C-alpha cells in the first residue's frame, strides 16, 4: 500500500492537513469555495411533482356511484324532474322503479349494515368512549357519558365496497350519455 489513501493517513497527518486547510480556507476565497462545493451535500434529485388531477378524476369513484344509480334506478332523472304536476300515484309508481334500481346498485357494490343493531325507538346507552364518528347525539346534550336515550335512526356503515376501477378512457363527468335513436 502506498500510504496515500485517506483511510491510511495517521491521525497526526490528518490533523496537520486540517490545520493547513483551515488557514488556506481563511486566506484564499477561491479555495474556500472549492472546499464548500466539495463538502456540500449532492443536490437531491427530486422527482417532479405529479400533475394535479382535475376534480372529476379526484372524485371519479363518487361520480361512478352516481352514474350507477342513474343507470340502474334512473335516480338523476327522478330527482331532476319537477314532480309538482304529477299525482301521488304517478310519483309512487316512479319511486318504485327508482327504489328497485338503486337498491340493486347498493346490493351489487356495497355491503351496508346498521351502525347500531337495536330497533329504532329502542332505549340505548352510550358508554364513555363511544365512537362519536358513528353516533351523533341530538336533543339536550349535557354532561358526560354514559348517555341514555332513544334511538331515532340506527345509522348505516359500509362494511365492504365492490366498485370497479374507473377507466381513464371514460369521462367520469358523464353520468349518463345522451341517447339518440336513429
Protein backbone atom coordinates (compact mmCIF):
# COMPACT_ATOMS: atom_id res chain seq x y z
CA UNK A 1 0.00 0.00 0.00
CA UNK A 2 1.28 3.45 -0.86
CA UNK A 3 0.11 5.28 2.29
CA UNK A 4 -1.73 7.95 0.24
CA UNK A 5 -5.22 6.64 0.85
CA UNK A 6 -7.15 8.89 3.29
CA UNK A 7 -8.12 5.81 5.29
CA UNK A 8 -4.41 5.03 5.81
CA UNK A 9 -3.34 8.52 6.94
CA UNK A 10 -2.36 8.72 10.57
CA UNK A 11 -4.18 10.95 13.00
CA UNK A 12 -1.25 13.33 13.14
CA UNK A 13 -1.12 13.61 9.35
CA UNK A 14 -4.87 14.30 9.19
CA UNK A 15 -4.60 16.89 11.95
CA UNK A 16 -1.80 18.68 10.08
CA UNK A 17 -3.84 18.60 6.85
CA UNK A 18 -6.90 20.03 8.65
CA UNK A 19 -4.72 22.83 10.12
CA UNK A 20 -3.37 23.73 6.68
CA UNK A 21 -6.86 23.65 5.14
CA UNK A 22 -8.16 25.86 7.95
CA UNK A 23 -5.60 28.61 7.26
CA UNK A 24 -5.81 28.24 3.48
CA UNK A 25 -9.63 28.47 3.65
CA UNK A 26 -9.39 31.67 5.67
CA UNK A 27 -6.83 33.25 3.35
CA UNK A 28 -7.92 32.13 -0.10
CA UNK A 29 -11.60 32.70 -1.03
CA UNK A 30 -11.39 30.52 -4.17
CA UNK A 31 -10.00 27.61 -2.14
CA UNK A 32 -12.84 28.14 0.38
CA UNK A 33 -15.41 27.96 -2.47
CA UNK A 34 -13.86 24.70 -3.71
CA UNK A 35 -13.97 23.19 -0.24
CA UNK A 36 -17.57 24.37 0.23
CA UNK A 37 -18.58 22.74 -3.08
CA UNK A 38 -16.78 19.55 -2.11
CA UNK A 39 -18.36 19.36 1.33
CA UNK A 40 -21.88 20.40 0.36
CA UNK A 41 -24.35 17.56 0.01
CA UNK A 42 -25.20 16.49 -3.51
CA UNK A 43 -28.38 18.16 -4.68
CA UNK A 44 -31.32 15.88 -4.21
CA UNK A 45 -32.80 14.65 -7.42
CA UNK A 46 -36.35 15.48 -6.51
CA UNK A 47 -38.88 13.86 -8.72
CA UNK A 48 -41.12 16.31 -10.46
CA UNK A 49 -44.39 16.59 -8.56
CA UNK A 50 -47.19 14.66 -10.12
CA UNK A 51 -49.54 16.94 -12.01
CA UNK A 52 -52.67 17.75 -10.05
CA UNK A 53 -55.63 15.69 -11.13
CA UNK A 54 -58.72 17.53 -12.30
CA UNK A 55 -61.66 17.34 -9.84
CA UNK A 56 -63.55 14.85 -11.99
CA UNK A 57 -60.63 12.39 -11.71
CA UNK A 58 -60.14 13.02 -7.98
CA UNK A 59 -63.84 12.27 -7.40
CA UNK A 60 -64.23 9.64 -10.13
CA UNK A 61 -65.44 6.94 -7.73
CA UNK A 62 -68.20 9.19 -6.39
CA UNK A 63 -69.24 10.08 -9.92
CA UNK A 64 -69.20 6.37 -10.77
CA UNK A 65 -71.65 5.63 -7.95
CA UNK A 66 -73.92 8.41 -9.20
CA UNK A 67 -73.77 7.01 -12.74
CA UNK A 68 -74.60 3.50 -11.45
CA UNK A 69 -77.62 4.88 -9.57
CA UNK A 70 -78.72 6.61 -12.78
CA UNK A 71 -78.18 3.55 -14.98
CA UNK A 72 -79.99 1.08 -12.72
CA UNK A 73 -82.53 3.29 -10.97
CA UNK A 74 -82.83 6.44 -13.09
CA UNK A 75 -82.18 8.37 -9.88
CA UNK A 76 -80.94 11.56 -11.54
CA UNK A 77 -83.89 11.59 -13.95
CA UNK A 78 -86.27 11.23 -10.99
CA UNK A 79 -84.58 13.94 -8.89
CA UNK A 80 -84.28 16.38 -11.79
CA UNK A 81 -87.97 16.00 -12.68
CA UNK A 82 -90.41 18.64 -11.43
CA UNK A 83 -92.89 16.31 -9.75
CA UNK A 84 -95.33 19.01 -8.62
CA UNK A 85 -97.59 18.40 -11.63
CA UNK A 86 -97.78 14.61 -11.12
CA UNK A 87 -100.27 12.77 -8.95
CA UNK A 88 -99.13 10.98 -5.83
CA UNK A 89 -99.94 7.69 -7.56
CA UNK A 90 -97.70 8.57 -10.53
CA UNK A 91 -94.88 9.64 -8.20
CA UNK A 92 -95.30 6.46 -6.17
CA UNK A 93 -95.13 4.29 -9.29
CA UNK A 94 -91.96 6.06 -10.44
CA UNK A 95 -90.47 5.81 -6.95
CA UNK A 96 -90.91 2.01 -7.02
CA UNK A 97 -88.78 1.79 -10.17
CA UNK A 98 -86.14 4.14 -8.75
CA UNK A 99 -86.14 2.27 -5.44
CA UNK A 100 -85.67 -1.15 -7.05
CA UNK A 101 -82.83 0.02 -9.30
CA UNK A 102 -80.98 1.94 -6.58
CA UNK A 103 -81.39 -0.96 -4.14
CA UNK A 104 -79.80 -3.24 -6.76
CA UNK A 105 -76.78 -0.89 -7.03
CA UNK A 106 -76.33 -0.93 -3.25
CA UNK A 107 -76.57 -4.73 -3.11
CA UNK A 108 -74.20 -5.24 -6.05
CA UNK A 109 -71.49 -2.79 -4.97
CA UNK A 110 -71.70 -2.37 -1.19
CA UNK A 111 -72.29 -4.33 1.98
CA UNK A 112 -74.25 -1.97 4.21
CA UNK A 113 -75.13 -2.65 7.83
CA UNK A 114 -76.72 -0.63 10.63
CA UNK A 115 -74.30 1.22 12.93
CA UNK A 116 -76.41 0.21 15.95
CA UNK A 117 -78.26 -3.12 15.83
CA UNK A 118 -81.15 -2.06 18.10
CA UNK A 119 -84.52 -1.21 16.56
CA UNK A 120 -85.39 2.42 16.01
CA UNK A 121 -87.31 3.68 19.03
CA UNK A 122 -85.36 1.41 21.39
CA UNK A 123 -83.69 2.75 24.53
CA UNK A 124 -79.87 2.74 24.17
CA UNK A 125 -76.97 3.56 26.46
CA UNK A 126 -73.77 5.03 25.04
CA UNK A 127 -70.80 4.32 27.30
CA UNK A 128 -67.83 6.59 27.90
CA UNK A 129 -65.53 6.39 24.88
CA UNK A 130 -68.32 5.71 22.37
CA UNK A 131 -67.32 6.47 18.75
CA UNK A 132 -68.68 9.95 18.01
CA UNK A 133 -67.93 9.39 14.31
CA UNK A 134 -70.54 6.61 14.30
CA UNK A 135 -73.15 8.05 16.66
CA UNK A 136 -74.45 11.62 16.59
CA UNK A 137 -76.10 12.92 19.73
CA UNK A 138 -79.16 15.16 19.29
CA UNK A 139 -81.56 16.87 21.66
CA UNK A 140 -80.48 18.11 25.09
CA UNK A 141 -76.84 17.02 25.15
CA UNK A 142 -75.29 17.84 28.53
CA UNK A 143 -72.92 16.15 30.93
CA UNK A 144 -70.60 13.24 30.35
CA UNK A 145 -71.23 9.67 29.19
CA UNK A 146 -72.71 7.26 29.72
CA UNK A 147 -75.63 8.76 27.81
CA UNK A 148 -79.06 7.15 27.77
CA UNK A 149 -81.50 7.99 25.00
CA UNK A 150 -83.90 6.80 22.32
CA UNK A 151 -82.52 5.51 19.02
CA UNK A 152 -84.05 7.72 16.32
CA UNK A 153 -82.06 6.24 13.42
CA UNK A 154 -79.74 3.25 13.55
CA UNK A 155 -77.32 4.76 11.02
CA UNK A 156 -75.54 2.94 8.21
CA UNK A 157 -72.00 1.79 7.68
CA UNK A 158 -70.40 0.35 4.56
CA UNK A 159 -68.55 -2.79 5.60
CA UNK A 160 -67.47 -3.67 2.06
CA UNK A 161 -67.14 -1.77 -1.22
CA UNK A 162 -67.01 -3.51 -4.61
CA UNK A 163 -66.69 -0.71 -7.15
CA UNK A 164 -64.99 -1.29 -10.48
CA UNK A 165 -61.92 0.73 -11.37
CA UNK A 166 -62.71 3.88 -13.30
CA UNK A 167 -61.16 3.62 -16.75
CA UNK A 168 -59.07 6.55 -17.95
CA UNK A 169 -60.81 6.10 -21.30
CA UNK A 170 -64.12 7.19 -19.79
CA UNK A 171 -65.08 10.73 -18.90
CA UNK A 172 -66.20 10.45 -15.27
CA UNK A 173 -68.28 13.62 -15.63
CA UNK A 174 -70.65 11.81 -18.00
CA UNK A 175 -73.11 10.27 -15.56
CA UNK A 176 -75.35 9.07 -18.37
CA UNK A 177 -74.65 9.58 -22.05
CA UNK A 178 -77.26 11.22 -24.20
CA UNK A 179 -79.22 8.70 -26.23
CA UNK A 180 -80.14 9.36 -29.85
CA UNK A 181 -82.35 6.87 -31.64
CA UNK A 182 -81.86 6.59 -35.40
